[in-house]
């Protein structure tokens, strides 16, 4: 059997990259499940550590370059709880990294100590913000530095889904009957809050209040290593970000949700890491429901053209997948609508 039997024959560039960089020590190649990229586990001879190879889909933002440079920067800064970058072919958007042996946690097994460890790691990354010039690293994917930016970002996502919906009855009805209604509710909530607190709706937070973040952050991108420690993976969207977005996304991310019993502890721990002035907590309360809505929209990304999972499934399978995603998006939206005012009370109490 060929060492490349685990790779679809439609990927000669991956085979060439793997052979060039690991040929003499190569035992086998196995394709793993990837969301936005083709991901391969390289098993090497003589007990050498496995390697992860990612073939990134073409995108406006070169995610291969972002992730490889981000991990190079973090490892050079002394952070060992992230994969080590090994080889890269930026023209073909293929990179090789250390394969971290571990597993993703289930929401119900996340402990208070895990929350503390995750915040500590975010703190290590944030601490490097002061060691580099702002222009030397990119803004995080979909970074927003004003309240207006956040609302514009949401409306772009809604418009994309509306265009993709066409005559798709269920998606169209969900966007019209639920997304649109909640979008208006949140817009009014933000308008009233901004006026009440005297916040500058269009004003961007200054550079010194931004920090470096994985951006796509949460327990869905954290592994429990074989040593019991936590490791962050997936830095395709790394860059300068608003700490308000990091707090919100860590709590709101739906794949491996942060248990509600740990939310207060997470915010308290984050407070020790970042200077949170009075405007920080006000912006956090106002932006939180908007980002909850955003996660509902992200769940429906597969309705948009060009997503990888469509290539891997039959038409019937993919339609079932879309039905499931729509159901998840509705559940997420309903949960956000129920809880965001209570979260504002928690923020007021803790911060």
Protein backbone atom coordinates (compact mmCIF):
# COMPACT_ATOMS: atom_id res chain seq x y z
CA UNK A 1 0.00 0.00 0.00
CA UNK A 2 1.27 3.49 -0.88
CA UNK A 3 2.22 5.85 1.94
CA UNK A 4 -0.12 8.30 0.21
CA UNK A 5 -3.12 5.97 0.27
CA UNK A 6 -4.72 8.31 2.84
CA UNK A 7 -4.63 11.25 0.40
CA UNK A 8 -7.12 11.85 -2.37
CA UNK A 9 -5.26 11.61 -5.70
CA UNK A 10 -6.55 15.09 -6.53
CA UNK A 11 -3.88 16.63 -4.28
CA UNK A 12 -0.54 16.18 -6.05
CA UNK A 13 0.77 19.44 -4.57
CA UNK A 14 0.29 18.09 -1.05
CA UNK A 15 2.06 14.86 -2.01
CA UNK A 16 4.96 16.82 -3.48
CA UNK A 17 5.21 19.05 -0.38
CA UNK A 18 5.16 16.05 1.96
CA UNK A 19 7.72 14.09 -0.09
CA UNK A 20 10.06 17.09 -0.36
CA UNK A 21 10.04 17.86 3.37
CA UNK A 22 9.57 14.41 4.95
CA UNK A 23 10.42 11.87 2.28
CA UNK A 24 13.22 10.02 4.05
CA UNK A 25 11.39 9.75 7.35
CA UNK A 26 7.88 9.22 6.04
CA UNK A 27 5.77 6.21 7.09
CA UNK A 28 2.20 7.15 6.13
CA UNK A 29 -0.14 10.02 5.38
CA UNK A 30 -3.73 10.21 6.60
CA UNK A 31 -6.30 12.90 5.82
CA UNK A 32 -8.16 14.24 8.85
CA UNK A 33 -11.41 16.14 9.06
CA UNK A 34 -10.90 19.85 8.39
CA UNK A 35 -13.40 22.70 8.31
CA UNK A 36 -11.85 25.30 6.00
CA UNK A 37 -8.66 23.48 4.99
CA UNK A 38 -7.46 20.04 3.95
CA UNK A 39 -5.60 18.60 6.95
CA UNK A 40 -3.21 15.65 6.91
CA UNK A 41 -1.44 13.74 9.67
CA UNK A 42 2.07 12.67 8.71
CA UNK A 43 3.32 9.61 10.59
CA UNK A 44 7.11 9.38 10.56
CA UNK A 45 9.54 6.51 10.96
CA UNK A 46 11.78 5.68 13.91
CA UNK A 47 9.51 7.14 16.55
CA UNK A 48 9.75 10.71 15.27
CA UNK A 49 6.85 12.93 16.33
CA UNK A 50 3.88 13.12 13.93
CA UNK A 51 3.41 16.25 11.84
CA UNK A 52 0.29 18.09 10.74
CA UNK A 53 0.12 19.43 7.17
CA UNK A 54 -2.54 21.95 6.18
CA UNK A 55 -3.51 22.82 2.61
CA UNK A 56 -5.40 26.09 2.92
CA UNK A 57 -8.28 27.05 0.67
CA UNK A 58 -7.79 30.16 -1.43
CA UNK A 59 -9.15 33.20 0.37
CA UNK A 60 -8.91 36.98 0.24
CA UNK A 61 -6.78 36.75 3.37
CA UNK A 62 -3.85 34.35 3.07
CA UNK A 63 -4.62 32.20 6.12
CA UNK A 64 -1.51 30.08 5.54
CA UNK A 65 0.71 33.12 5.91
CA UNK A 66 -1.26 34.44 8.89
CA UNK A 67 -1.11 31.17 10.83
CA UNK A 68 2.52 30.30 10.08
CA UNK A 69 3.76 33.78 10.98
CA UNK A 70 1.55 33.91 14.09
CA UNK A 71 2.89 30.62 15.43
CA UNK A 72 6.47 31.63 14.57
CA UNK A 73 5.95 34.87 16.52
CA UNK A 74 4.40 33.13 19.52
CA UNK A 75 7.04 30.41 19.74
CA UNK A 76 9.80 33.02 19.43
CA UNK A 77 8.07 34.85 22.31
CA UNK A 78 8.44 31.79 24.53
CA UNK A 79 4.92 30.38 24.25
CA UNK A 80 5.14 26.60 24.03
CA UNK A 81 1.43 25.79 24.34
CA UNK A 82 0.90 26.22 20.59
CA UNK A 83 2.06 24.07 17.64
CA UNK A 84 5.59 24.65 16.38
CA UNK A 85 5.68 25.79 12.73
CA UNK A 86 8.03 23.63 10.62
CA UNK A 87 7.83 24.17 6.84
CA UNK A 88 5.80 26.39 4.52
CA UNK A 89 5.15 26.85 0.82
CA UNK A 90 3.31 30.16 0.77
CA UNK A 91 2.80 30.16 -3.00
CA UNK A 92 0.84 26.90 -2.76
CA UNK A 93 -0.56 27.71 0.71
CA UNK A 94 0.65 24.50 2.32
CA UNK A 95 2.26 24.46 5.77
CA UNK A 96 3.58 21.85 8.18
CA UNK A 97 3.31 22.07 11.96
CA UNK A 98 4.03 20.01 15.03
CA UNK A 99 1.12 17.64 15.60
CA UNK A 100 -0.06 18.04 19.18
CA UNK A 101 -1.32 14.73 20.51
CA UNK A 102 -4.43 15.47 22.51
CA UNK A 103 -8.18 15.70 22.46
CA UNK A 104 -10.83 18.37 22.54
CA UNK A 105 -12.76 18.74 25.76
CA UNK A 106 -16.50 18.32 26.06
CA UNK A 107 -18.33 21.28 27.52
CA UNK A 108 -19.45 19.37 30.61
CA UNK A 109 -15.90 18.35 31.57
CA UNK A 110 -14.43 21.88 31.50
CA UNK A 111 -13.28 22.71 35.02
CA UNK A 112 -12.54 25.92 36.85
CA UNK A 113 -8.83 25.09 36.55
CA UNK A 114 -9.23 24.70 32.77
CA UNK A 115 -10.76 28.17 32.58
CA UNK A 116 -7.87 29.57 34.61
CA UNK A 117 -5.33 27.84 32.37
CA UNK A 118 -7.02 29.11 29.19
CA UNK A 119 -7.09 32.69 30.47
CA UNK A 120 -3.45 32.37 31.52
CA UNK A 121 -2.52 31.36 27.99
CA UNK A 122 -4.51 34.25 26.53
CA UNK A 123 -2.62 36.45 28.98
CA UNK A 124 0.74 35.19 27.71
CA UNK A 125 -0.29 36.02 24.15
CA UNK A 126 -1.62 39.42 25.17
CA UNK A 127 1.61 40.19 27.03
CA UNK A 128 3.49 39.95 23.73
CA UNK A 129 1.38 42.83 22.43
CA UNK A 130 3.68 45.25 24.17
CA UNK A 131 6.81 43.72 22.62
CA UNK A 132 6.02 44.42 18.98
CA UNK A 133 5.09 47.38 16.82
CA UNK A 134 1.45 47.54 15.84
CA UNK A 135 2.17 47.58 12.10
CA UNK A 136 4.35 44.45 12.26
CA UNK A 137 1.37 42.11 12.67
CA UNK A 138 -2.04 42.20 10.95
CA UNK A 139 -5.43 42.98 12.45
CA UNK A 140 -7.33 39.84 13.41
CA UNK A 141 -9.90 38.54 10.96
CA UNK A 142 -13.06 40.64 11.16
CA UNK A 143 -11.54 42.76 13.92
CA UNK A 144 -13.79 45.64 14.91
CA UNK A 145 -12.61 48.64 16.90
CA UNK A 146 -15.77 50.73 17.06
CA UNK A 147 -19.39 49.92 17.82
CA UNK A 148 -20.26 51.01 14.30
CA UNK A 149 -17.72 48.50 12.87
CA UNK A 150 -19.43 45.66 14.75
CA UNK A 151 -22.86 46.54 13.38
CA UNK A 152 -21.52 46.91 9.84
CA UNK A 153 -19.84 43.50 10.07
CA UNK A 154 -23.10 41.86 11.13
CA UNK A 155 -25.04 43.49 8.31
CA UNK A 156 -22.51 42.27 5.74
CA UNK A 157 -23.00 38.71 6.99
CA UNK A 158 -26.78 39.03 6.93
CA UNK A 159 -26.70 40.40 3.38
CA UNK A 160 -24.54 37.49 2.19
CA UNK A 161 -26.96 34.96 3.63
CA UNK A 162 -29.95 36.81 2.17
CA UNK A 163 -28.33 36.67 -1.26
CA UNK A 164 -27.56 32.96 -0.81
CA UNK A 165 -31.07 32.15 0.42
CA UNK A 166 -32.73 32.76 -2.93
CA UNK A 167 -35.92 30.78 -2.82
CA UNK A 168 -34.75 28.55 0.07
CA UNK A 169 -37.90 28.82 2.17
CA UNK A 170 -36.60 27.83 5.59
CA UNK A 171 -33.46 29.97 5.50
CA UNK A 172 -35.36 32.91 4.06
CA UNK A 173 -38.04 32.69 6.74
CA UNK A 174 -35.44 32.42 9.51
CA UNK A 175 -33.63 35.51 8.26
CA UNK A 176 -36.85 37.50 7.86
CA UNK A 177 -38.78 36.37 10.94
CA UNK A 178 -36.06 35.88 13.53
CA UNK A 179 -32.68 37.30 12.51
CA UNK A 180 -34.14 40.57 11.27
CA UNK A 181 -36.32 40.99 14.38
CA UNK A 182 -33.43 40.34 16.79
CA UNK A 183 -31.11 42.55 14.72
CA UNK A 184 -33.54 45.46 15.22
CA UNK A 185 -33.86 44.69 18.93
CA UNK A 186 -30.10 44.72 19.41
CA UNK A 187 -29.69 47.88 17.33
CA UNK A 188 -32.12 49.69 19.60
CA UNK A 189 -30.41 48.25 22.69
CA UNK A 190 -27.03 49.52 21.46
CA UNK A 191 -28.44 52.92 20.51
CA UNK A 192 -29.99 53.44 23.94
CA UNK A 193 -26.90 52.16 25.75
CA UNK A 194 -24.50 54.31 23.73
CA UNK A 195 -26.57 57.40 24.49
CA UNK A 196 -26.95 56.52 28.17
CA UNK A 197 -23.22 55.93 28.67
CA UNK A 198 -22.03 58.69 26.37
CA UNK A 199 -20.08 56.28 24.17
CA UNK A 200 -18.69 57.40 20.82
CA UNK A 201 -20.54 55.15 18.35
CA UNK A 202 -18.05 55.70 15.53
CA UNK A 203 -14.90 56.24 17.59
CA UNK A 204 -12.28 53.47 17.48
CA UNK A 205 -10.55 52.25 20.60
CA UNK A 206 -6.91 53.44 20.67
CA UNK A 207 -4.02 51.15 19.70
CA UNK A 208 -2.91 50.76 23.31
CA UNK A 209 -6.26 49.15 24.22
CA UNK A 210 -5.99 46.52 21.46
CA UNK A 211 -4.16 43.25 21.95
CA UNK A 212 -2.99 40.17 20.08
CA UNK A 213 -5.50 37.35 20.02
CA UNK A 214 -6.12 34.03 18.23
CA UNK A 215 -9.46 35.68 17.32
CA UNK A 216 -11.33 32.39 16.70
CA UNK A 217 -11.06 31.70 20.40
CA UNK A 218 -12.78 29.24 22.71
CA UNK A 219 -12.58 25.66 23.92
CA UNK A 220 -13.34 24.44 20.40
CA UNK A 221 -9.75 25.36 19.54
CA UNK A 222 -8.12 24.04 22.71
CA UNK A 223 -6.71 20.55 23.20
CA UNK A 224 -5.98 18.63 26.37
CA UNK A 225 -2.46 17.39 25.74
CA UNK A 226 -1.14 14.01 26.82
CA UNK A 227 0.64 15.82 29.66
CA UNK A 228 -2.71 17.13 30.93
CA UNK A 229 -1.98 20.71 29.92
CA UNK A 230 -4.01 22.88 27.55
CA UNK A 231 -2.82 23.83 24.06
CA UNK A 232 -4.27 26.40 21.68
CA UNK A 233 -4.63 25.42 18.02
CA UNK A 234 -5.91 27.25 14.92
CA UNK A 235 -4.33 30.66 14.43
CA UNK A 236 -5.63 31.34 10.92
CA UNK A 237 -7.38 34.50 12.11
CA UNK A 238 -4.71 35.76 14.55
CA UNK A 239 -3.92 39.45 14.93
CA UNK A 240 -4.74 42.67 16.72
CA UNK A 241 -8.21 42.55 18.21
CA UNK A 242 -10.59 44.18 20.64
CA UNK A 243 -10.47 42.42 24.04
CA UNK A 244 -14.26 42.87 24.22
CA UNK A 245 -14.57 40.58 21.20
CA UNK A 246 -12.26 37.99 22.77
CA UNK A 247 -14.29 37.85 26.00
CA UNK A 248 -17.58 37.62 24.12
CA UNK A 249 -16.43 35.00 21.61
CA UNK A 250 -14.89 32.79 24.30
CA UNK A 251 -18.26 32.67 26.07
CA UNK A 252 -20.50 32.58 22.99
CA UNK A 253 -18.68 30.06 20.75
CA UNK A 254 -21.23 27.25 20.24
CA UNK A 255 -19.20 24.14 19.35
CA UNK A 256 -17.77 23.62 22.86
CA UNK A 257 -19.68 26.17 24.96
CA UNK A 258 -18.14 27.55 28.13
CA UNK A 259 -20.41 26.24 30.91
CA UNK A 260 -22.55 28.99 32.40
CA UNK A 261 -21.28 28.15 35.88
CA UNK A 262 -17.79 29.26 34.78
CA UNK A 263 -18.73 32.53 33.06
CA UNK A 264 -18.28 34.72 36.10
CA UNK A 265 -14.91 33.16 36.87
CA UNK A 266 -13.79 33.64 33.26
CA UNK A 267 -14.68 37.35 33.31
CA UNK A 268 -13.04 37.79 36.73
CA UNK A 269 -9.87 36.06 35.51
CA UNK A 270 -9.81 38.08 32.32
CA UNK A 271 -10.16 41.25 34.37
CA UNK A 272 -6.86 40.47 36.09
CA UNK A 273 -5.20 40.13 32.70
CA UNK A 274 -6.44 43.23 30.89
CA UNK A 275 -6.99 46.79 32.06
CA UNK A 276 -10.76 47.13 32.00
CA UNK A 277 -11.94 50.71 32.42
CA UNK A 278 -15.57 51.72 32.80
CA UNK A 279 -16.04 52.03 29.03
CA UNK A 280 -14.75 48.47 28.53
CA UNK A 281 -17.55 46.94 30.59
CA UNK A 282 -20.14 49.18 28.91
CA UNK A 283 -18.96 48.21 25.44
CA UNK A 284 -18.86 44.55 26.49
CA UNK A 285 -22.50 44.65 27.60
CA UNK A 286 -23.61 46.33 24.37
CA UNK A 287 -21.58 44.30 21.90
CA UNK A 288 -22.19 40.88 23.48
CA UNK A 289 -25.68 40.28 21.97
CA UNK A 290 -24.44 41.44 18.57
CA UNK A 291 -21.69 38.82 18.67
CA UNK A 292 -24.21 36.24 19.83
CA UNK A 293 -26.15 37.01 16.65
CA UNK A 294 -22.92 36.76 14.67
CA UNK A 295 -22.32 33.22 15.91
CA UNK A 296 -25.80 32.25 14.70
CA UNK A 297 -24.84 33.59 11.28
CA UNK A 298 -21.47 31.79 11.34
CA UNK A 299 -23.26 28.49 11.97
CA UNK A 300 -25.06 29.08 8.65
CA UNK A 301 -21.85 29.70 6.66
CA UNK A 302 -22.33 26.42 4.79
CA UNK A 303 -25.28 27.98 2.97
CA UNK A 304 -22.77 30.27 1.27
CA UNK A 305 -21.04 29.15 -1.94
CA UNK A 306 -17.59 27.56 -1.83
CA UNK A 307 -17.57 25.79 1.51
CA UNK A 308 -15.43 22.68 1.76
CA UNK A 309 -18.00 20.35 3.31
CA UNK A 310 -20.20 20.59 0.22
CA UNK A 311 -17.43 18.96 -1.83
CA UNK A 312 -17.22 15.98 0.52
CA UNK A 313 -20.88 15.00 0.74
CA UNK A 314 -23.60 13.89 -1.61
CA UNK A 315 -26.31 16.40 -2.37
CA UNK A 316 -28.70 14.56 -0.05
CA UNK A 317 -26.19 14.42 2.80
CA UNK A 318 -25.35 18.08 2.44
CA UNK A 319 -29.01 19.11 2.50
CA UNK A 320 -29.43 17.22 5.79
CA UNK A 321 -26.31 19.00 7.07
CA UNK A 322 -27.84 22.38 6.14
CA UNK A 323 -31.07 21.50 7.96
CA UNK A 324 -29.04 20.67 11.07
CA UNK A 325 -27.05 23.89 10.83
CA UNK A 326 -30.21 25.94 10.54
CA UNK A 327 -31.64 24.27 13.64
CA UNK A 328 -28.42 24.98 15.56
CA UNK A 329 -28.49 28.61 14.43
CA UNK A 330 -32.06 29.04 15.68
CA UNK A 331 -31.19 27.52 19.06
CA UNK A 332 -28.16 29.79 19.36
CA UNK A 333 -30.17 32.90 18.49
CA UNK A 334 -32.90 32.05 20.98
CA UNK A 335 -30.32 31.45 23.71
CA UNK A 336 -28.62 34.80 23.04
CA UNK A 337 -31.97 36.60 23.08
CA UNK A 338 -32.81 35.06 26.47
CA UNK A 339 -29.54 35.73 28.20
CA UNK A 340 -27.88 38.92 27.00
CA UNK A 341 -29.50 41.23 29.54
CA UNK A 342 -28.54 38.83 32.31
CA UNK A 343 -24.97 38.86 31.02
CA UNK A 344 -24.99 42.67 31.23
CA UNK A 345 -25.93 42.32 34.91
CA UNK A 346 -23.05 39.86 35.44
CA UNK A 347 -20.63 42.31 33.81
CA UNK A 348 -21.89 45.13 35.99
CA UNK A 349 -21.39 42.97 39.08
CA UNK A 350 -17.92 41.66 38.22
CA UNK A 351 -16.38 44.66 36.51
